[in-house]
């Protein structure tokens, strides 16, 4: 459940670190697999946060248009 409290910025920061690790080419195959799984989780988290923020902005704009 700690994943839900992870901020977008923190997730992006972690993704950047994972990308650097992968690009270094020095990761063990087992570690690489774990890094890719973590990157996938972080991408999903960021996508969900962006979608939610987009929906909230649309609702606010709709409310302003109706006023």
PDB file of N, CA and C in Angstrom:
ATOM      1  N   UNK A   1       0.803  -1.203   0.000  1.00  0.00           N
ATOM      2  CA  UNK A   1       0.000   0.000   0.000  1.00  0.00           C
ATOM      3  C   UNK A   1       0.847   1.268   0.000  1.00  0.00           C
ATOM      4  N   UNK A   2       2.107   1.158   0.304  1.00  0.00           N
ATOM      5  CA  UNK A   2       2.985   2.326   0.317  1.00  0.00           C
ATOM      6  C   UNK A   2       3.099   2.937  -1.082  1.00  0.00           C
ATOM      7  N   UNK A   3       2.877   2.146  -2.122  1.00  0.00           N
ATOM      8  CA  UNK A   3       2.969   2.616  -3.489  1.00  0.00           C
ATOM      9  C   UNK A   3       2.019   3.783  -3.748  1.00  0.00           C
ATOM     10  N   UNK A   4       0.829   3.740  -3.175  1.00  0.00           N
ATOM     11  CA  UNK A   4      -0.166   4.763  -3.424  1.00  0.00           C
ATOM     12  C   UNK A   4       0.260   6.116  -2.875  1.00  0.00           C
ATOM     13  N   UNK A   5       1.109   6.126  -1.863  1.00  0.00           N
ATOM     14  CA  UNK A   5       1.552   7.370  -1.265  1.00  0.00           C
ATOM     15  C   UNK A   5       2.783   7.932  -1.969  1.00  0.00           C
ATOM     16  N   UNK A   6       3.326   7.172  -2.890  1.00  0.00           N
ATOM     17  CA  UNK A   6       4.502   7.605  -3.620  1.00  0.00           C
ATOM     18  C   UNK A   6       4.111   8.747  -4.568  1.00  0.00           C
ATOM     19  N   UNK A   7       4.863   9.841  -4.513  1.00  0.00           N
ATOM     20  CA  UNK A   7       4.528  10.982  -5.353  1.00  0.00           C
ATOM     21  C   UNK A   7       4.976  10.757  -6.792  1.00  0.00           C
ATOM     22  N   UNK A   8       4.378  11.515  -7.672  1.00  0.00           N
ATOM     23  CA  UNK A   8       4.735  11.461  -9.091  1.00  0.00           C
ATOM     24  C   UNK A   8       6.210  11.812  -9.262  1.00  0.00           C
ATOM     25  N   UNK A   9       6.636  12.890  -8.619  1.00  0.00           N
ATOM     26  CA  UNK A   9       8.030  13.329  -8.758  1.00  0.00           C
ATOM     27  C   UNK A   9       9.013  12.289  -8.243  1.00  0.00           C
ATOM     28  N   UNK A  10       8.670  11.641  -7.138  1.00  0.00           N
ATOM     29  CA  UNK A  10       9.547  10.602  -6.587  1.00  0.00           C
ATOM     30  C   UNK A  10       9.617   9.408  -7.551  1.00  0.00           C
ATOM     31  N   UNK A  11       8.476   9.055  -8.138  1.00  0.00           N
ATOM     32  CA  UNK A  11       8.442   7.948  -9.092  1.00  0.00           C
ATOM     33  C   UNK A  11       9.289   8.265 -10.323  1.00  0.00           C
ATOM     34  N   UNK A  12       9.192   9.495 -10.811  1.00  0.00           N
ATOM     35  CA  UNK A  12       9.987   9.910 -11.972  1.00  0.00           C
ATOM     36  C   UNK A  12      11.472   9.874 -11.629  1.00  0.00           C
ATOM     37  N   UNK A  13      11.808  10.323 -10.438  1.00  0.00           N
ATOM     38  CA  UNK A  13      13.201  10.294  -9.986  1.00  0.00           C
ATOM     39  C   UNK A  13      13.735   8.859  -9.965  1.00  0.00           C
ATOM     40  N   UNK A  14      12.921   7.938  -9.449  1.00  0.00           N
ATOM     41  CA  UNK A  14      13.320   6.530  -9.415  1.00  0.00           C
ATOM     42  C   UNK A  14      13.472   5.968 -10.825  1.00  0.00           C
ATOM     43  N   UNK A  15      12.551   6.341 -11.721  1.00  0.00           N
ATOM     44  CA  UNK A  15      12.636   5.876 -13.109  1.00  0.00           C
ATOM     45  C   UNK A  15      13.924   6.351 -13.768  1.00  0.00           C
ATOM     46  N   UNK A  16      14.282   7.595 -13.528  1.00  0.00           N
ATOM     47  CA  UNK A  16      15.530   8.125 -14.097  1.00  0.00           C
ATOM     48  C   UNK A  16      16.730   7.324 -13.599  1.00  0.00           C
ATOM     49  N   UNK A  17      16.714   6.979 -12.326  1.00  0.00           N
ATOM     50  CA  UNK A  17      17.797   6.172 -11.766  1.00  0.00           C
ATOM     51  C   UNK A  17      17.872   4.802 -12.406  1.00  0.00           C
ATOM     52  N   UNK A  18      16.712   4.187 -12.611  1.00  0.00           N
ATOM     53  CA  UNK A  18      16.660   2.868 -13.247  1.00  0.00           C
ATOM     54  C   UNK A  18      17.192   2.946 -14.674  1.00  0.00           C
ATOM     55  N   UNK A  19      16.795   3.989 -15.399  1.00  0.00           N
ATOM     56  CA  UNK A  19      17.266   4.164 -16.776  1.00  0.00           C
ATOM     57  C   UNK A  19      18.787   4.294 -16.802  1.00  0.00           C
ATOM     58  N   UNK A  20      19.335   5.068 -15.882  1.00  0.00           N
ATOM     59  CA  UNK A  20      20.790   5.215 -15.814  1.00  0.00           C
ATOM     60  C   UNK A  20      21.459   3.874 -15.529  1.00  0.00           C
ATOM     61  N   UNK A  21      20.877   3.107 -14.613  1.00  0.00           N
ATOM     62  CA  UNK A  21      21.426   1.788 -14.286  1.00  0.00           C
ATOM     63  C   UNK A  21      21.408   0.873 -15.506  1.00  0.00           C
ATOM     64  N   UNK A  22      20.305   0.882 -16.240  1.00  0.00           N
ATOM     65  CA  UNK A  22      20.174   0.022 -17.415  1.00  0.00           C
ATOM     66  C   UNK A  22      21.145   0.465 -18.508  1.00  0.00           C
ATOM     67  N   UNK A  23      21.225   1.778 -18.718  1.00  0.00           N
ATOM     68  CA  UNK A  23      22.115   2.292 -19.762  1.00  0.00           C
ATOM     69  C   UNK A  23      23.583   2.031 -19.466  1.00  0.00           C
ATOM     70  N   UNK A  24      23.923   1.864 -18.204  1.00  0.00           N
ATOM     71  CA  UNK A  24      25.317   1.613 -17.845  1.00  0.00           C
ATOM     72  C   UNK A  24      25.793   0.276 -18.409  1.00  0.00           C
ATOM     73  N   UNK A  25      24.840  -0.648 -18.622  1.00  0.00           N
ATOM     74  CA  UNK A  25      25.169  -1.947 -19.190  1.00  0.00           C
ATOM     75  C   UNK A  25      25.902  -2.870 -18.231  1.00  0.00           C
ATOM     76  N   UNK A  26      25.955  -2.512 -16.964  1.00  0.00           N
ATOM     77  CA  UNK A  26      26.714  -3.306 -15.999  1.00  0.00           C
ATOM     78  C   UNK A  26      25.837  -4.108 -15.039  1.00  0.00           C
ATOM     79  N   UNK A  27      24.550  -4.185 -15.337  1.00  0.00           N
ATOM     80  CA  UNK A  27      23.640  -4.890 -14.443  1.00  0.00           C
ATOM     81  C   UNK A  27      23.659  -6.393 -14.703  1.00  0.00           C
ATOM     82  N   UNK A  28      23.610  -7.147 -13.626  1.00  0.00           N
ATOM     83  CA  UNK A  28      23.436  -8.590 -13.702  1.00  0.00           C
ATOM     84  C   UNK A  28      22.036  -8.860 -14.258  1.00  0.00           C
ATOM     85  N   UNK A  29      21.870  -9.955 -14.956  1.00  0.00           N
ATOM     86  CA  UNK A  29      20.585 -10.282 -15.578  1.00  0.00           C
ATOM     87  C   UNK A  29      19.454 -10.319 -14.544  1.00  0.00           C
ATOM     88  N   UNK A  30      19.709 -10.903 -13.377  1.00  0.00           N
ATOM     89  CA  UNK A  30      18.680 -10.969 -12.339  1.00  0.00           C
ATOM     90  C   UNK A  30      18.303  -9.582 -11.849  1.00  0.00           C
ATOM     91  N   UNK A  31      19.288  -8.728 -11.687  1.00  0.00           N
ATOM     92  CA  UNK A  31      19.035  -7.360 -11.239  1.00  0.00           C
ATOM     93  C   UNK A  31      18.308  -6.586 -12.333  1.00  0.00           C
ATOM     94  N   UNK A  32      18.708  -6.799 -13.571  1.00  0.00           N
ATOM     95  CA  UNK A  32      18.055  -6.138 -14.699  1.00  0.00           C
ATOM     96  C   UNK A  32      16.572  -6.467 -14.730  1.00  0.00           C
ATOM     97  N   UNK A  33      16.246  -7.736 -14.525  1.00  0.00           N
ATOM     98  CA  UNK A  33      14.848  -8.166 -14.504  1.00  0.00           C
ATOM     99  C   UNK A  33      14.062  -7.427 -13.431  1.00  0.00           C
ATOM    100  N   UNK A  34      14.641  -7.316 -12.251  1.00  0.00           N
ATOM    101  CA  UNK A  34      13.972  -6.599 -11.150  1.00  0.00           C
ATOM    102  C   UNK A  34      13.821  -5.111 -11.454  1.00  0.00           C
ATOM    103  N   UNK A  35      14.833  -4.527 -12.070  1.00  0.00           N
ATOM    104  CA  UNK A  35      14.779  -3.101 -12.430  1.00  0.00           C
ATOM    105  C   UNK A  35      13.671  -2.849 -13.454  1.00  0.00           C
ATOM    106  N   UNK A  36      13.541  -3.746 -14.415  1.00  0.00           N
ATOM    107  CA  UNK A  36      12.501  -3.594 -15.433  1.00  0.00           C
ATOM    108  C   UNK A  36      11.115  -3.734 -14.801  1.00  0.00           C
ATOM    109  N   UNK A  37      10.958  -4.668 -13.870  1.00  0.00           N
ATOM    110  CA  UNK A  37       9.675  -4.829 -13.167  1.00  0.00           C
ATOM    111  C   UNK A  37       9.339  -3.566 -12.380  1.00  0.00           C
ATOM    112  N   UNK A  38      10.328  -3.011 -11.688  1.00  0.00           N
ATOM    113  CA  UNK A  38      10.111  -1.787 -10.914  1.00  0.00           C
ATOM    114  C   UNK A  38       9.784  -0.618 -11.842  1.00  0.00           C
ATOM    115  N   UNK A  39      10.479  -0.522 -12.964  1.00  0.00           N
ATOM    116  CA  UNK A  39      10.194   0.543 -13.927  1.00  0.00           C
ATOM    117  C   UNK A  39       8.763   0.430 -14.444  1.00  0.00           C
ATOM    118  N   UNK A  40       8.326  -0.779 -14.708  1.00  0.00           N
ATOM    119  CA  UNK A  40       6.960  -1.004 -15.180  1.00  0.00           C
ATOM    120  C   UNK A  40       5.943  -0.530 -14.139  1.00  0.00           C
ATOM    121  N   UNK A  41       6.201  -0.850 -12.875  1.00  0.00           N
ATOM    122  CA  UNK A  41       5.304  -0.421 -11.799  1.00  0.00           C
ATOM    123  C   UNK A  41       5.268   1.104 -11.699  1.00  0.00           C
ATOM    124  N   UNK A  42       6.429   1.717 -11.799  1.00  0.00           N
ATOM    125  CA  UNK A  42       6.510   3.169 -11.694  1.00  0.00           C
ATOM    126  C   UNK A  42       5.828   3.866 -12.864  1.00  0.00           C
ATOM    127  N   UNK A  43       5.990   3.307 -14.059  1.00  0.00           N
ATOM    128  CA  UNK A  43       5.318   3.881 -15.230  1.00  0.00           C
ATOM    129  C   UNK A  43       3.809   3.799 -15.068  1.00  0.00           C
ATOM    130  N   UNK A  44       3.328   2.678 -14.591  1.00  0.00           N
ATOM    131  CA  UNK A  44       1.883   2.523 -14.357  1.00  0.00           C
ATOM    132  C   UNK A  44       1.403   3.537 -13.322  1.00  0.00           C
ATOM    133  N   UNK A  45       2.153   3.699 -12.251  1.00  0.00           N
ATOM    134  CA  UNK A  45       1.802   4.658 -11.211  1.00  0.00           C
ATOM    135  C   UNK A  45       1.732   6.076 -11.777  1.00  0.00           C
ATOM    136  N   UNK A  46       2.742   6.458 -12.552  1.00  0.00           N
ATOM    137  CA  UNK A  46       2.771   7.801 -13.136  1.00  0.00           C
ATOM    138  C   UNK A  46       1.615   8.004 -14.106  1.00  0.00           C
ATOM    139  N   UNK A  47       1.348   6.993 -14.920  1.00  0.00           N
ATOM    140  CA  UNK A  47       0.247   7.081 -15.875  1.00  0.00           C
ATOM    141  C   UNK A  47      -1.084   7.289 -15.140  1.00  0.00           C
ATOM    142  N   UNK A  48      -1.289   6.540 -14.057  1.00  0.00           N
ATOM    143  CA  UNK A  48      -2.525   6.674 -13.285  1.00  0.00           C
ATOM    144  C   UNK A  48      -2.632   8.064 -12.658  1.00  0.00           C
ATOM    145  N   UNK A  49      -1.528   8.569 -12.124  1.00  0.00           N
ATOM    146  CA  UNK A  49      -1.543   9.898 -11.514  1.00  0.00           C
ATOM    147  C   UNK A  49      -1.822  10.979 -12.555  1.00  0.00           C
ATOM    148  N   UNK A  50      -1.218  10.851 -13.734  1.00  0.00           N
ATOM    149  CA  UNK A  50      -1.464  11.823 -14.793  1.00  0.00           C
ATOM    150  C   UNK A  50      -2.913  11.773 -15.262  1.00  0.00           C
ATOM    151  N   UNK A  51      -3.458  10.578 -15.402  1.00  0.00           N
ATOM    152  CA  UNK A  51      -4.849  10.431 -15.824  1.00  0.00           C
ATOM    153  C   UNK A  51      -5.785  11.069 -14.794  1.00  0.00           C
ATOM    154  N   UNK A  52      -5.523  10.793 -13.516  1.00  0.00           N
ATOM    155  CA  UNK A  52      -6.361  11.351 -12.458  1.00  0.00           C
ATOM    156  C   UNK A  52      -6.280  12.878 -12.444  1.00  0.00           C
ATOM    157  N   UNK A  53      -5.091  13.412 -12.590  1.00  0.00           N
ATOM    158  CA  UNK A  53      -4.931  14.864 -12.607  1.00  0.00           C
ATOM    159  C   UNK A  53      -5.654  15.469 -13.803  1.00  0.00           C
ATOM    160  N   UNK A  54      -5.557  14.820 -14.960  1.00  0.00           N
ATOM    161  CA  UNK A  54      -6.231  15.294 -16.160  1.00  0.00           C
ATOM    162  C   UNK A  54      -7.746  15.320 -15.960  1.00  0.00           C
ATOM    163  N   UNK A  55      -8.274  14.258 -15.364  1.00  0.00           N
ATOM    164  CA  UNK A  55      -9.718  14.198 -15.107  1.00  0.00           C
ATOM    165  C   UNK A  55     -10.151  15.300 -14.144  1.00  0.00           C
ATOM    166  N   UNK A  56      -9.369  15.552 -13.114  1.00  0.00           N
ATOM    167  CA  UNK A  56      -9.700  16.594 -12.148  1.00  0.00           C
ATOM    168  C   UNK A  56      -9.681  17.975 -12.795  1.00  0.00           C
ATOM    169  N   UNK A  57      -8.698  18.222 -13.655  1.00  0.00           N
ATOM    170  CA  UNK A  57      -8.620  19.509 -14.349  1.00  0.00           C
ATOM    171  C   UNK A  57      -9.823  19.674 -15.270  1.00  0.00           C
ATOM    172  N   UNK A  58     -10.194  18.611 -15.982  1.00  0.00           N
ATOM    173  CA  UNK A  58     -11.359  18.686 -16.866  1.00  0.00           C
ATOM    174  C   UNK A  58     -12.623  19.013 -16.080  1.00  0.00           C
ATOM    175  N   UNK A  59     -12.788  18.402 -14.899  1.00  0.00           N
ATOM    176  CA  UNK A  59     -13.964  18.676 -14.070  1.00  0.00           C
ATOM    177  C   UNK A  59     -13.988  20.138 -13.633  1.00  0.00           C
ATOM    178  N   UNK A  60     -12.844  20.646 -13.242  1.00  0.00           N
ATOM    179  CA  UNK A  60     -12.753  22.045 -12.809  1.00  0.00           C
ATOM    180  C   UNK A  60     -13.088  22.972 -13.969  1.00  0.00           C
ATOM    181  N   UNK A  61     -12.537  22.693 -15.146  1.00  0.00           N
ATOM    182  CA  UNK A  61     -12.810  23.532 -16.305  1.00  0.00           C
ATOM    183  C   UNK A  61     -14.282  23.471 -16.698  1.00  0.00           C
ATOM    184  N   UNK A  62     -14.894  22.286 -16.611  1.00  0.00           N
ATOM    185  CA  UNK A  62     -16.313  22.143 -16.903  1.00  0.00           C
ATOM    186  C   UNK A  62     -17.140  22.978 -15.933  1.00  0.00           C
ATOM    187  N   UNK A  63     -16.757  22.971 -14.671  1.00  0.00           N
ATOM    188  CA  UNK A  63     -17.462  23.750 -13.654  1.00  0.00           C
ATOM    189  C   UNK A  63     -17.346  25.238 -13.956  1.00  0.00           C
ATOM    190  N   UNK A  64     -16.181  25.672 -14.372  1.00  0.00           N
ATOM    191  CA  UNK A  64     -15.975  27.078 -14.716  1.00  0.00           C
ATOM    192  C   UNK A  64     -16.765  27.487 -15.947  1.00  0.00           C
ATOM    193  N   UNK A  65     -16.876  26.599 -16.931  1.00  0.00           N
ATOM    194  CA  UNK A  65     -17.639  26.877 -18.139  1.00  0.00           C
ATOM    195  C   UNK A  65     -19.129  27.010 -17.851  1.00  0.00           C
ATOM    196  N   UNK A  66     -19.607  26.283 -16.836  1.00  0.00           N
ATOM    197  CA  UNK A  66     -21.038  26.300 -16.501  1.00  0.00           C
ATOM    198  C   UNK A  66     -21.395  27.483 -15.634  1.00  0.00           C
ATOM    199  N   UNK A  67     -20.419  28.144 -15.049  1.00  0.00           N
ATOM    200  CA  UNK A  67     -20.695  29.273 -14.134  1.00  0.00           C
ATOM    201  C   UNK A  67     -21.003  30.536 -14.879  1.00  0.00           C
TER     202      UNK A  67
END
